[in-house]
Amino acid sequence: MLTALAHDAAQDRAGQCGKMAVRIGTLEGETIIRDDSRLVAVGLPKARSSWRNFVTAEPRGKALRLHRLDGAHIDCR
């Protein structure tokens, strides 16, 4: 998570999560979502243990689905 804060967004691709324009990057298995100036979310792969990530990122073809612990999700392209 801390590496996401220092991640250089210059190489990230433009995308959209729901109706929000974002930049999407990856770093060491993390999916990093930013808007113009803020870190919006960091999605981690689904945990393989009893520990659960607050946000998980699941690839879905060319899209990406972010899931929260409460079951809410949003698709990013």
PDB file of N, CA and C in Angstrom:
ATOM      1  N   MET A   1       0.809  -1.191   0.000  1.00  0.00           N
ATOM      2  CA  MET A   1       0.000   0.000   0.000  1.00  0.00           C
ATOM      3  C   MET A   1       0.859   1.264   0.000  1.00  0.00           C
ATOM      4  N   LEU A   2       1.921   1.260   0.785  1.00  0.00           N
ATOM      5  CA  LEU A   2       2.767   2.445   0.852  1.00  0.00           C
ATOM      6  C   LEU A   2       3.473   2.706  -0.472  1.00  0.00           C
ATOM      7  N   THR A   3       3.820   1.657  -1.204  1.00  0.00           N
ATOM      8  CA  THR A   3       4.465   1.859  -2.508  1.00  0.00           C
ATOM      9  C   THR A   3       3.513   2.534  -3.486  1.00  0.00           C
ATOM     10  N   ALA A   4       2.220   2.312  -3.332  1.00  0.00           N
ATOM     11  CA  ALA A   4       1.243   2.962  -4.215  1.00  0.00           C
ATOM     12  C   ALA A   4       1.257   4.475  -4.045  1.00  0.00           C
ATOM     13  N   LEU A   5       1.510   4.951  -2.834  1.00  0.00           N
ATOM     14  CA  LEU A   5       1.565   6.395  -2.591  1.00  0.00           C
ATOM     15  C   LEU A   5       2.724   7.051  -3.329  1.00  0.00           C
ATOM     16  N   ALA A   6       3.838   6.323  -3.476  1.00  0.00           N
ATOM     17  CA  ALA A   6       5.025   6.863  -4.128  1.00  0.00           C
ATOM     18  C   ALA A   6       5.077   6.523  -5.620  1.00  0.00           C
ATOM     19  N   HIS A   7       4.097   5.772  -6.122  1.00  0.00           N
ATOM     20  CA  HIS A   7       4.076   5.343  -7.519  1.00  0.00           C
ATOM     21  C   HIS A   7       3.998   6.537  -8.467  1.00  0.00           C
ATOM     22  N   ASP A   8       4.845   6.549  -9.494  1.00  0.00           N
ATOM     23  CA  ASP A   8       4.841   7.607 -10.510  1.00  0.00           C
ATOM     24  C   ASP A   8       3.726   7.312 -11.516  1.00  0.00           C
ATOM     25  N   ALA A   9       2.711   8.137 -11.533  1.00  0.00           N
ATOM     26  CA  ALA A   9       1.537   7.907 -12.381  1.00  0.00           C
ATOM     27  C   ALA A   9       1.760   8.269 -13.845  1.00  0.00           C
ATOM     28  N   ALA A  10       2.926   8.768 -14.209  1.00  0.00           N
ATOM     29  CA  ALA A  10       3.179   9.198 -15.580  1.00  0.00           C
ATOM     30  C   ALA A  10       3.006   8.059 -16.587  1.00  0.00           C
ATOM     31  N   GLN A  11       3.270   6.831 -16.189  1.00  0.00           N
ATOM     32  CA  GLN A  11       3.177   5.694 -17.108  1.00  0.00           C
ATOM     33  C   GLN A  11       1.808   5.017 -17.073  1.00  0.00           C
ATOM     34  N   ASP A  12       0.919   5.431 -16.205  1.00  0.00           N
ATOM     35  CA  ASP A  12      -0.397   4.808 -16.077  1.00  0.00           C
ATOM     36  C   ASP A  12      -1.264   5.153 -17.277  1.00  0.00           C
ATOM     37  N   ARG A  13      -2.222   4.276 -17.561  1.00  0.00           N
ATOM     38  CA  ARG A  13      -3.098   4.506 -18.723  1.00  0.00           C
ATOM     39  C   ARG A  13      -4.364   5.242 -18.292  1.00  0.00           C
ATOM     40  N   ALA A  14      -4.880   6.022 -19.202  1.00  0.00           N
ATOM     41  CA  ALA A  14      -6.149   6.707 -18.948  1.00  0.00           C
ATOM     42  C   ALA A  14      -7.256   5.669 -18.968  1.00  0.00           C
ATOM     43  N   GLY A  15      -8.220   5.825 -18.084  1.00  0.00           N
ATOM     44  CA  GLY A  15      -9.332   4.889 -18.015  1.00  0.00           C
ATOM     45  C   GLY A  15     -10.537   5.544 -17.387  1.00  0.00           C
ATOM     46  N   GLN A  16     -11.507   4.714 -17.087  1.00  0.00           N
ATOM     47  CA  GLN A  16     -12.727   5.206 -16.475  1.00  0.00           C
ATOM     48  C   GLN A  16     -13.257   4.141 -15.531  1.00  0.00           C
ATOM     49  N   CYS A  17     -13.610   4.545 -14.317  1.00  0.00           N
ATOM     50  CA  CYS A  17     -14.254   3.680 -13.339  1.00  0.00           C
ATOM     51  C   CYS A  17     -15.654   4.246 -13.122  1.00  0.00           C
ATOM     52  N   GLY A  18     -16.650   3.508 -13.562  1.00  0.00           N
ATOM     53  CA  GLY A  18     -17.999   4.068 -13.548  1.00  0.00           C
ATOM     54  C   GLY A  18     -18.013   5.273 -14.464  1.00  0.00           C
ATOM     55  N   LYS A  19     -18.357   6.439 -13.935  1.00  0.00           N
ATOM     56  CA  LYS A  19     -18.359   7.673 -14.733  1.00  0.00           C
ATOM     57  C   LYS A  19     -17.161   8.561 -14.440  1.00  0.00           C
ATOM     58  N   MET A  20     -16.249   8.095 -13.553  1.00  0.00           N
ATOM     59  CA  MET A  20     -15.109   8.907 -13.141  1.00  0.00           C
ATOM     60  C   MET A  20     -13.896   8.642 -14.038  1.00  0.00           C
ATOM     61  N   ALA A  21     -13.327   9.696 -14.611  1.00  0.00           N
ATOM     62  CA  ALA A  21     -12.086   9.575 -15.383  1.00  0.00           C
ATOM     63  C   ALA A  21     -10.942   9.333 -14.407  1.00  0.00           C
ATOM     64  N   VAL A  22     -10.130   8.327 -14.696  1.00  0.00           N
ATOM     65  CA  VAL A  22      -9.032   7.947 -13.800  1.00  0.00           C
ATOM     66  C   VAL A  22      -7.795   7.593 -14.611  1.00  0.00           C
ATOM     67  N   ARG A  23      -6.707   7.354 -13.880  1.00  0.00           N
ATOM     68  CA  ARG A  23      -5.494   6.773 -14.443  1.00  0.00           C
ATOM     69  C   ARG A  23      -5.299   5.459 -13.717  1.00  0.00           C
ATOM     70  N   ILE A  24      -5.008   4.396 -14.476  1.00  0.00           N
ATOM     71  CA  ILE A  24      -4.895   3.052 -13.913  1.00  0.00           C
ATOM     72  C   ILE A  24      -3.481   2.552 -14.114  1.00  0.00           C
ATOM     73  N   GLY A  25      -2.861   2.148 -13.032  1.00  0.00           N
ATOM     74  CA  GLY A  25      -1.507   1.618 -13.090  1.00  0.00           C
ATOM     75  C   GLY A  25      -1.399   0.336 -12.292  1.00  0.00           C
ATOM     76  N   THR A  26      -0.301  -0.360 -12.478  1.00  0.00           N
ATOM     77  CA  THR A  26      -0.053  -1.575 -11.696  1.00  0.00           C
ATOM     78  C   THR A  26       1.363  -1.514 -11.141  1.00  0.00           C
ATOM     79  N   LEU A  27       1.526  -2.121  -9.985  1.00  0.00           N
ATOM     80  CA  LEU A  27       2.818  -2.156  -9.323  1.00  0.00           C
ATOM     81  C   LEU A  27       2.845  -3.368  -8.404  1.00  0.00           C
ATOM     82  N   GLU A  28       3.705  -4.303  -8.693  1.00  0.00           N
ATOM     83  CA  GLU A  28       3.883  -5.484  -7.845  1.00  0.00           C
ATOM     84  C   GLU A  28       2.558  -6.159  -7.495  1.00  0.00           C
ATOM     85  N   GLY A  29       1.690  -6.345  -8.480  1.00  0.00           N
ATOM     86  CA  GLY A  29       0.417  -7.011  -8.250  1.00  0.00           C
ATOM     87  C   GLY A  29      -0.706  -6.116  -7.767  1.00  0.00           C
ATOM     88  N   GLU A  30      -0.419  -4.888  -7.424  1.00  0.00           N
ATOM     89  CA  GLU A  30      -1.438  -3.938  -6.989  1.00  0.00           C
ATOM     90  C   GLU A  30      -1.988  -3.186  -8.194  1.00  0.00           C
ATOM     91  N   THR A  31      -3.276  -2.898  -8.187  1.00  0.00           N
ATOM     92  CA  THR A  31      -3.874  -2.022  -9.189  1.00  0.00           C
ATOM     93  C   THR A  31      -4.086  -0.682  -8.518  1.00  0.00           C
ATOM     94  N   ILE A  32      -3.533   0.357  -9.118  1.00  0.00           N
ATOM     95  CA  ILE A  32      -3.563   1.694  -8.527  1.00  0.00           C
ATOM     96  C   ILE A  32      -4.484   2.578  -9.362  1.00  0.00           C
ATOM     97  N   ILE A  33      -5.485   3.157  -8.710  1.00  0.00           N
ATOM     98  CA  ILE A  33      -6.454   4.028  -9.376  1.00  0.00           C
ATOM     99  C   ILE A  33      -6.274   5.435  -8.820  1.00  0.00           C
ATOM    100  N   ARG A  34      -6.075   6.399  -9.716  1.00  0.00           N
ATOM    101  CA  ARG A  34      -5.926   7.810  -9.332  1.00  0.00           C
ATOM    102  C   ARG A  34      -6.855   8.670 -10.175  1.00  0.00           C
ATOM    103  N   ASP A  35      -7.266   9.785  -9.597  1.00  0.00           N
ATOM    104  CA  ASP A  35      -7.904  10.801 -10.432  1.00  0.00           C
ATOM    105  C   ASP A  35      -6.808  11.797 -10.774  1.00  0.00           C
ATOM    106  N   ASP A  36      -7.129  13.029 -11.068  1.00  0.00           N
ATOM    107  CA  ASP A  36      -6.104  13.990 -11.473  1.00  0.00           C
ATOM    108  C   ASP A  36      -4.993  14.161 -10.447  1.00  0.00           C
ATOM    109  N   SER A  37      -5.343  14.177  -9.181  1.00  0.00           N
ATOM    110  CA  SER A  37      -4.328  14.493  -8.176  1.00  0.00           C
ATOM    111  C   SER A  37      -4.340  13.594  -6.948  1.00  0.00           C
ATOM    112  N   ARG A  38      -5.289  12.662  -6.846  1.00  0.00           N
ATOM    113  CA  ARG A  38      -5.420  11.869  -5.632  1.00  0.00           C
ATOM    114  C   ARG A  38      -5.370  10.375  -5.907  1.00  0.00           C
ATOM    115  N   LEU A  39      -4.921   9.649  -4.918  1.00  0.00           N
ATOM    116  CA  LEU A  39      -5.008   8.203  -4.935  1.00  0.00           C
ATOM    117  C   LEU A  39      -6.438   7.851  -4.551  1.00  0.00           C
ATOM    118  N   VAL A  40      -7.163   7.168  -5.435  1.00  0.00           N
ATOM    119  CA  VAL A  40      -8.566   6.845  -5.202  1.00  0.00           C
ATOM    120  C   VAL A  40      -8.710   5.459  -4.573  1.00  0.00           C
ATOM    121  N   ALA A  41      -7.980   4.477  -5.115  1.00  0.00           N
ATOM    122  CA  ALA A  41      -8.083   3.112  -4.596  1.00  0.00           C
ATOM    123  C   ALA A  41      -6.839   2.322  -4.967  1.00  0.00           C
ATOM    124  N   VAL A  42      -6.566   1.331  -4.149  1.00  0.00           N
ATOM    125  CA  VAL A  42      -5.524   0.346  -4.458  1.00  0.00           C
ATOM    126  C   VAL A  42      -6.199  -1.013  -4.336  1.00  0.00           C
ATOM    127  N   GLY A  43      -6.289  -1.717  -5.457  1.00  0.00           N
ATOM    128  CA  GLY A  43      -6.898  -3.041  -5.471  1.00  0.00           C
ATOM    129  C   GLY A  43      -5.821  -4.103  -5.442  1.00  0.00           C
ATOM    130  N   LEU A  44      -5.971  -5.053  -4.564  1.00  0.00           N
ATOM    131  CA  LEU A  44      -5.023  -6.149  -4.440  1.00  0.00           C
ATOM    132  C   LEU A  44      -5.664  -7.419  -4.977  1.00  0.00           C
ATOM    133  N   PRO A  45      -4.849  -8.388  -5.410  1.00  0.00           N
ATOM    134  CA  PRO A  45      -5.437  -9.662  -5.839  1.00  0.00           C
ATOM    135  C   PRO A  45      -6.214 -10.281  -4.681  1.00  0.00           C
ATOM    136  N   LYS A  46      -7.178 -11.124  -5.013  1.00  0.00           N
ATOM    137  CA  LYS A  46      -7.977 -11.795  -3.988  1.00  0.00           C
ATOM    138  C   LYS A  46      -7.060 -12.596  -3.074  1.00  0.00           C
ATOM    139  N   ALA A  47      -7.227 -12.443  -1.778  1.00  0.00           N
ATOM    140  CA  ALA A  47      -6.379 -13.122  -0.784  1.00  0.00           C
ATOM    141  C   ALA A  47      -6.636 -14.624  -0.804  1.00  0.00           C
ATOM    142  N   ARG A  48      -5.582 -15.382  -0.558  1.00  0.00           N
ATOM    143  CA  ARG A  48      -5.709 -16.841  -0.506  1.00  0.00           C
ATOM    144  C   ARG A  48      -5.655 -17.346   0.928  1.00  0.00           C
ATOM    145  N   SER A  49      -5.953 -16.472   1.853  1.00  0.00           N
ATOM    146  CA  SER A  49      -5.953 -16.846   3.269  1.00  0.00           C
ATOM    147  C   SER A  49      -7.217 -16.281   3.894  1.00  0.00           C
ATOM    148  N   SER A  50      -7.331 -16.372   5.199  1.00  0.00           N
ATOM    149  CA  SER A  50      -8.512 -15.834   5.874  1.00  0.00           C
ATOM    150  C   SER A  50      -8.498 -14.308   5.928  1.00  0.00           C
ATOM    151  N   TRP A  51      -7.322 -13.690   5.725  1.00  0.00           N
ATOM    152  CA  TRP A  51      -7.227 -12.229   5.698  1.00  0.00           C
ATOM    153  C   TRP A  51      -7.869 -11.727   4.418  1.00  0.00           C
ATOM    154  N   ARG A  52      -8.685 -10.668   4.498  1.00  0.00           N
ATOM    155  CA  ARG A  52      -9.355 -10.140   3.308  1.00  0.00           C
ATOM    156  C   ARG A  52      -8.941  -8.700   3.067  1.00  0.00           C
ATOM    157  N   ASN A  53      -8.654  -8.398   1.821  1.00  0.00           N
ATOM    158  CA  ASN A  53      -8.316  -7.033   1.411  1.00  0.00           C
ATOM    159  C   ASN A  53      -9.576  -6.176   1.450  1.00  0.00           C
ATOM    160  N   PHE A  54      -9.434  -4.888   1.744  1.00  0.00           N
ATOM    161  CA  PHE A  54     -10.584  -3.987   1.708  1.00  0.00           C
ATOM    162  C   PHE A  54     -11.087  -3.833   0.275  1.00  0.00           C
ATOM    163  N   VAL A  55     -10.163  -3.751  -0.685  1.00  0.00           N
ATOM    164  CA  VAL A  55     -10.528  -3.672  -2.098  1.00  0.00           C
ATOM    165  C   VAL A  55      -9.737  -4.730  -2.850  1.00  0.00           C
ATOM    166  N   THR A  56     -10.436  -5.545  -3.635  1.00  0.00           N
ATOM    167  CA  THR A  56      -9.753  -6.507  -4.493  1.00  0.00           C
ATOM    168  C   THR A  56      -9.979  -6.112  -5.945  1.00  0.00           C
ATOM    169  N   ALA A  57      -9.020  -6.455  -6.791  1.00  0.00           N
ATOM    170  CA  ALA A  57      -9.091  -6.156  -8.221  1.00  0.00           C
ATOM    171  C   ALA A  57      -9.151  -7.474  -8.983  1.00  0.00           C
ATOM    172  N   GLU A  58     -10.174  -7.625  -9.813  1.00  0.00           N
ATOM    173  CA  GLU A  58     -10.377  -8.848 -10.581  1.00  0.00           C
ATOM    174  C   GLU A  58     -10.391  -8.516 -12.070  1.00  0.00           C
ATOM    175  N   PRO A  59      -9.435  -9.037 -12.849  1.00  0.00           N
ATOM    176  CA  PRO A  59      -9.455  -8.803 -14.294  1.00  0.00           C
ATOM    177  C   PRO A  59     -10.694  -9.440 -14.919  1.00  0.00           C
ATOM    178  N   ARG A  60     -11.311  -8.730 -15.849  1.00  0.00           N
ATOM    179  CA  ARG A  60     -12.487  -9.230 -16.569  1.00  0.00           C
ATOM    180  C   ARG A  60     -12.334  -8.850 -18.030  1.00  0.00           C
ATOM    181  N   GLY A  61     -11.556  -9.642 -18.775  1.00  0.00           N
ATOM    182  CA  GLY A  61     -11.260  -9.314 -20.169  1.00  0.00           C
ATOM    183  C   GLY A  61     -10.404  -8.064 -20.215  1.00  0.00           C
ATOM    184  N   LYS A  62     -10.866  -7.047 -20.936  1.00  0.00           N
ATOM    185  CA  LYS A  62     -10.128  -5.780 -21.019  1.00  0.00           C
ATOM    186  C   LYS A  62     -10.492  -4.842 -19.876  1.00  0.00           C
ATOM    187  N   ALA A  63     -11.456  -5.238 -19.074  1.00  0.00           N
ATOM    188  CA  ALA A  63     -11.903  -4.409 -17.945  1.00  0.00           C
ATOM    189  C   ALA A  63     -11.328  -4.953 -16.641  1.00  0.00           C
ATOM    190  N   LEU A  64     -11.620  -4.243 -15.595  1.00  0.00           N
ATOM    191  CA  LEU A  64     -11.164  -4.596 -14.264  1.00  0.00           C
ATOM    192  C   LEU A  64     -12.328  -4.335 -13.316  1.00  0.00           C
ATOM    193  N   ARG A  65     -12.638  -5.273 -12.439  1.00  0.00           N
ATOM    194  CA  ARG A  65     -13.703  -5.058 -11.463  1.00  0.00           C
ATOM    195  C   ARG A  65     -13.076  -4.914 -10.093  1.00  0.00           C
ATOM    196  N   LEU A  66     -13.379  -3.795  -9.432  1.00  0.00           N
ATOM    197  CA  LEU A  66     -12.935  -3.559  -8.064  1.00  0.00           C
ATOM    198  C   LEU A  66     -14.077  -3.932  -7.127  1.00  0.00           C
ATOM    199  N   HIS A  67     -13.796  -4.776  -6.123  1.00  0.00           N
ATOM    200  CA  HIS A  67     -14.779  -5.224  -5.138  1.00  0.00           C
ATOM    201  C   HIS A  67     -14.411  -4.680  -3.768  1.00  0.00           C
ATOM    202  N   ARG A  68     -15.389  -4.162  -3.039  1.00  0.00           N
ATOM    203  CA  ARG A  68     -15.190  -3.786  -1.637  1.00  0.00           C
ATOM    204  C   ARG A  68     -15.642  -4.933  -0.742  1.00  0.00           C
ATOM    205  N   LEU A  69     -15.238  -4.894   0.514  1.00  0.00           N
ATOM    206  CA  LEU A  69     -15.630  -5.927   1.477  1.00  0.00           C
ATOM    207  C   LEU A  69     -17.140  -6.057   1.624  1.00  0.00           C
ATOM    208  N   ASP A  70     -17.860  -4.933   1.493  1.00  0.00           N
ATOM    209  CA  ASP A  70     -19.318  -4.969   1.681  1.00  0.00           C
ATOM    210  C   ASP A  70     -20.064  -5.507   0.465  1.00  0.00           C
ATOM    211  N   GLY A  71     -19.315  -5.931  -0.581  1.00  0.00           N
ATOM    212  CA  GLY A  71     -19.937  -6.508  -1.767  1.00  0.00           C
ATOM    213  C   GLY A  71     -20.139  -5.521  -2.912  1.00  0.00           C
ATOM    214  N   ALA A  72     -20.029  -4.236  -2.643  1.00  0.00           N
ATOM    215  CA  ALA A  72     -20.162  -3.240  -3.715  1.00  0.00           C
ATOM    216  C   ALA A  72     -19.001  -3.398  -4.702  1.00  0.00           C
ATOM    217  N   HIS A  73     -19.263  -3.089  -5.965  1.00  0.00           N
ATOM    218  CA  HIS A  73     -18.194  -3.175  -6.951  1.00  0.00           C
ATOM    219  C   HIS A  73     -18.368  -2.092  -8.005  1.00  0.00           C
ATOM    220  N   ILE A  74     -17.287  -1.865  -8.737  1.00  0.00           N
ATOM    221  CA  ILE A  74     -17.308  -0.913  -9.847  1.00  0.00           C
ATOM    222  C   ILE A  74     -16.396  -1.460 -10.926  1.00  0.00           C
ATOM    223  N   ASP A  75     -16.796  -1.279 -12.179  1.00  0.00           N
ATOM    224  CA  ASP A  75     -15.983  -1.727 -13.309  1.00  0.00           C
ATOM    225  C   ASP A  75     -15.158  -0.566 -13.839  1.00  0.00           C
ATOM    226  N   CYS A  76     -13.913  -0.873 -14.167  1.00  0.00           N
ATOM    227  CA  CYS A  76     -13.006   0.119 -14.736  1.00  0.00           C
ATOM    228  C   CYS A  76     -12.555  -0.368 -16.104  1.00  0.00           C
ATOM    229  N   ARG A  77     -12.420   0.551 -17.011  1.00  0.00           N
ATOM    230  CA  ARG A  77     -11.969   0.224 -18.379  1.00  0.00           C
ATOM    231  C   ARG A  77     -10.812   1.100 -18.755  1.00  0.00           C
TER     232      ARG A  77
END
